[in-house]
Amino acid sequence: MQASKLEKLKQVLMEKRRSLLSEVRERKTATMEASSDGIQDIADQASTAYTKEFLLSIGDAERRLLRQVDEALEKIKGGSYGLCEKCGEEIHERRLEALPFAKYCISCQEEEERR
């Protein structure tokens, strides 16, 4: 992969990382606020518990995505970025442009999804 394309993808990953960290912080703040509502009746408590669990589950998905972005950035540092983790072949540049933290080439991804 050309150095200029690699640098562009690195910048995209860094921006995605900043965005995810910001979202996780916002969710954490919203969750903390939802749990400090003082005295509530049973219906309000149930609603607050549901909201809190929903916000935490969104946070888990964002944390998993953040982990994938961090792994891609580590691969850039290590020189293995753009290689499929399963077959070792290069991941097509178009796929990396669409999903810069892709771990697998399209054929290996399809095989993983069939499992």
C-alpha atoms as a PDB file:
ATOM      1  CA  MET A   1       0.000   0.000   0.000  1.00  0.00           C
ATOM      2  CA  GLN A   2       1.256   3.458  -0.845  1.00  0.00           C
ATOM      3  CA  ALA A   3       2.502   5.539   2.065  1.00  0.00           C
ATOM      4  CA  SER A   4       0.087   8.385   1.231  1.00  0.00           C
ATOM      5  CA  LYS A   5      -2.938   6.050   1.313  1.00  0.00           C
ATOM      6  CA  LEU A   6      -1.711   4.467   4.520  1.00  0.00           C
ATOM      7  CA  GLU A   7      -1.330   7.894   6.128  1.00  0.00           C
ATOM      8  CA  LYS A   8      -4.822   8.885   4.982  1.00  0.00           C
ATOM      9  CA  LEU A   9      -6.309   5.721   6.513  1.00  0.00           C
ATOM     10  CA  LYS A  10      -4.346   6.343   9.708  1.00  0.00           C
ATOM     11  CA  GLN A  11      -5.880   9.817   9.946  1.00  0.00           C
ATOM     12  CA  VAL A  12      -9.371   8.358   9.407  1.00  0.00           C
ATOM     13  CA  LEU A  13      -8.728   5.847  12.194  1.00  0.00           C
ATOM     14  CA  MET A  14      -7.426   8.552  14.535  1.00  0.00           C
ATOM     15  CA  GLU A  15     -10.531  10.691  13.911  1.00  0.00           C
ATOM     16  CA  LYS A  16     -12.796   7.675  14.491  1.00  0.00           C
ATOM     17  CA  ARG A  17     -10.933   7.013  17.753  1.00  0.00           C
ATOM     18  CA  ARG A  18     -11.435  10.600  18.940  1.00  0.00           C
ATOM     19  CA  SER A  19     -15.110  10.441  18.028  1.00  0.00           C
ATOM     20  CA  LEU A  20     -15.646   7.140  19.844  1.00  0.00           C
ATOM     21  CA  LEU A  21     -13.870   8.348  22.978  1.00  0.00           C
ATOM     22  CA  SER A  22     -16.067  11.429  22.997  1.00  0.00           C
ATOM     23  CA  GLU A  23     -19.226   9.317  22.611  1.00  0.00           C
ATOM     24  CA  VAL A  24     -18.176   6.939  25.395  1.00  0.00           C
ATOM     25  CA  ARG A  25     -17.552   9.883  27.729  1.00  0.00           C
ATOM     26  CA  GLU A  26     -20.966  11.383  26.877  1.00  0.00           C
ATOM     27  CA  ARG A  27     -22.703   8.042  27.507  1.00  0.00           C
ATOM     28  CA  LYS A  28     -20.919   7.666  30.826  1.00  0.00           C
ATOM     29  CA  THR A  29     -22.072  11.132  31.885  1.00  0.00           C
ATOM     30  CA  ALA A  30     -25.651  10.399  30.778  1.00  0.00           C
ATOM     31  CA  THR A  31     -25.626   7.104  32.689  1.00  0.00           C
ATOM     32  CA  MET A  32     -24.351   8.800  35.837  1.00  0.00           C
ATOM     33  CA  GLU A  33     -27.070  11.458  35.552  1.00  0.00           C
ATOM     34  CA  ALA A  34     -29.766   8.816  35.022  1.00  0.00           C
ATOM     35  CA  SER A  35     -28.773   7.052  38.225  1.00  0.00           C
ATOM     36  CA  SER A  36     -28.847  10.187  40.389  1.00  0.00           C
ATOM     37  CA  ASP A  37     -32.513  11.124  40.032  1.00  0.00           C
ATOM     38  CA  GLY A  38     -33.335  11.056  43.742  1.00  0.00           C
ATOM     39  CA  ILE A  39     -36.641   9.587  44.945  1.00  0.00           C
ATOM     40  CA  GLN A  40     -38.673   7.808  42.270  1.00  0.00           C
ATOM     41  CA  ASP A  41     -41.754   5.638  42.178  1.00  0.00           C
ATOM     42  CA  ILE A  42     -41.583   2.054  40.861  1.00  0.00           C
ATOM     43  CA  ALA A  43     -42.395   3.022  37.243  1.00  0.00           C
ATOM     44  CA  ASP A  44     -39.723   5.740  37.227  1.00  0.00           C
ATOM     45  CA  GLN A  45     -37.184   3.326  38.717  1.00  0.00           C
ATOM     46  CA  ALA A  46     -37.952   0.754  36.009  1.00  0.00           C
ATOM     47  CA  SER A  47     -37.647   3.386  33.299  1.00  0.00           C
ATOM     48  CA  THR A  48     -34.368   4.677  34.737  1.00  0.00           C
ATOM     49  CA  ALA A  49     -32.973   1.139  34.985  1.00  0.00           C
ATOM     50  CA  TYR A  50     -33.913   0.418  31.361  1.00  0.00           C
ATOM     51  CA  THR A  51     -32.365   3.691  30.166  1.00  0.00           C
ATOM     52  CA  LYS A  52     -29.201   3.049  32.135  1.00  0.00           C
ATOM     53  CA  GLU A  53     -28.850  -0.497  30.774  1.00  0.00           C
ATOM     54  CA  PHE A  54     -29.521   0.717  27.227  1.00  0.00           C
ATOM     55  CA  LEU A  55     -26.863   3.427  27.509  1.00  0.00           C
ATOM     56  CA  LEU A  56     -24.366   0.950  28.926  1.00  0.00           C
ATOM     57  CA  SER A  57     -25.017  -1.542  26.114  1.00  0.00           C
ATOM     58  CA  ILE A  58     -24.399   1.176  23.528  1.00  0.00           C
ATOM     59  CA  GLY A  59     -21.213   1.989  25.379  1.00  0.00           C
ATOM     60  CA  ASP A  60     -20.097  -1.667  25.140  1.00  0.00           C
ATOM     61  CA  ALA A  61     -20.538  -1.635  21.358  1.00  0.00           C
ATOM     62  CA  GLU A  62     -18.578   1.592  21.124  1.00  0.00           C
ATOM     63  CA  ARG A  63     -15.831   0.152  23.315  1.00  0.00           C
ATOM     64  CA  ARG A  64     -15.567  -2.925  21.058  1.00  0.00           C
ATOM     65  CA  LEU A  65     -15.315  -0.651  18.028  1.00  0.00           C
ATOM     66  CA  LEU A  66     -12.684   1.441  19.812  1.00  0.00           C
ATOM     67  CA  ARG A  67     -10.700  -1.731  20.477  1.00  0.00           C
ATOM     68  CA  GLN A  68     -10.856  -2.602  16.753  1.00  0.00           C
ATOM     69  CA  VAL A  69      -9.666   0.884  15.812  1.00  0.00           C
ATOM     70  CA  ASP A  70      -6.787   0.643  18.305  1.00  0.00           C
ATOM     71  CA  GLU A  71      -5.808  -2.760  16.888  1.00  0.00           C
ATOM     72  CA  ALA A  72      -5.747  -1.303  13.365  1.00  0.00           C
ATOM     73  CA  LEU A  73      -3.541   1.573  14.535  1.00  0.00           C
ATOM     74  CA  GLU A  74      -1.172  -0.942  16.168  1.00  0.00           C
ATOM     75  CA  LYS A  75      -1.010  -2.878  12.903  1.00  0.00           C
ATOM     76  CA  ILE A  76      -0.023   0.325  11.102  1.00  0.00           C
ATOM     77  CA  LYS A  77       2.815   0.784  13.600  1.00  0.00           C
ATOM     78  CA  GLY A  78       3.861  -2.845  13.254  1.00  0.00           C
ATOM     79  CA  GLY A  79       3.685  -2.894   9.470  1.00  0.00           C
ATOM     80  CA  SER A  80       0.986  -5.563   9.189  1.00  0.00           C
ATOM     81  CA  TYR A  81      -1.939  -3.241   8.420  1.00  0.00           C
ATOM     82  CA  GLY A  82      -4.031  -4.281   5.447  1.00  0.00           C
ATOM     83  CA  LEU A  83      -3.297  -7.991   5.731  1.00  0.00           C
ATOM     84  CA  CYS A  84      -6.103 -10.464   6.381  1.00  0.00           C
ATOM     85  CA  GLU A  85      -5.776 -12.067   9.816  1.00  0.00           C
ATOM     86  CA  LYS A  86      -7.071 -15.360   8.475  1.00  0.00           C
ATOM     87  CA  CYS A  87      -5.390 -15.976   5.108  1.00  0.00           C
ATOM     88  CA  GLY A  88      -2.601 -13.373   5.199  1.00  0.00           C
ATOM     89  CA  GLU A  89      -3.552 -11.894   1.812  1.00  0.00           C
ATOM     90  CA  GLU A  90      -3.859  -8.146   1.290  1.00  0.00           C
ATOM     91  CA  ILE A  91      -7.242  -6.616   2.065  1.00  0.00           C
ATOM     92  CA  HIS A  92      -8.443  -4.638  -0.946  1.00  0.00           C
ATOM     93  CA  GLU A  93      -7.935  -0.877  -0.570  1.00  0.00           C
ATOM     94  CA  ARG A  94     -11.602  -0.145  -1.272  1.00  0.00           C
ATOM     95  CA  ARG A  95     -12.596  -2.353   1.653  1.00  0.00           C
ATOM     96  CA  LEU A  96     -10.142  -0.559   3.924  1.00  0.00           C
ATOM     97  CA  GLU A  97     -11.447   2.810   2.752  1.00  0.00           C
ATOM     98  CA  ALA A  98     -14.985   1.733   3.664  1.00  0.00           C
ATOM     99  CA  LEU A  99     -13.988  -0.077   6.865  1.00  0.00           C
ATOM    100  CA  PRO A 100     -10.474   0.990   7.884  1.00  0.00           C
ATOM    101  CA  PHE A 101     -10.402  -1.413  10.846  1.00  0.00           C
ATOM    102  CA  ALA A 102     -11.321  -4.496   8.769  1.00  0.00           C
ATOM    103  CA  LYS A 103      -9.542  -7.631   9.991  1.00  0.00           C
ATOM    104  CA  TYR A 104     -10.403  -9.911   7.090  1.00  0.00           C
ATOM    105  CA  CYS A 105     -10.492  -9.810   3.315  1.00  0.00           C
ATOM    106  CA  ILE A 106     -13.977 -10.084   1.806  1.00  0.00           C
ATOM    107  CA  SER A 107     -13.829 -13.862   1.210  1.00  0.00           C
ATOM    108  CA  CYS A 108     -12.640 -14.615   4.739  1.00  0.00           C
ATOM    109  CA  GLN A 109     -15.233 -12.213   6.183  1.00  0.00           C
ATOM    110  CA  GLU A 110     -17.991 -13.980   4.246  1.00  0.00           C
ATOM    111  CA  GLU A 111     -16.720 -17.324   5.546  1.00  0.00           C
ATOM    112  CA  GLU A 112     -16.724 -15.989   9.142  1.00  0.00           C
ATOM    113  CA  GLU A 113     -20.297 -14.727   8.739  1.00  0.00           C
ATOM    114  CA  ARG A 114     -21.483 -18.114   7.465  1.00  0.00           C
ATOM    115  CA  ARG A 115     -20.253 -19.751  10.670  1.00  0.00           C
END
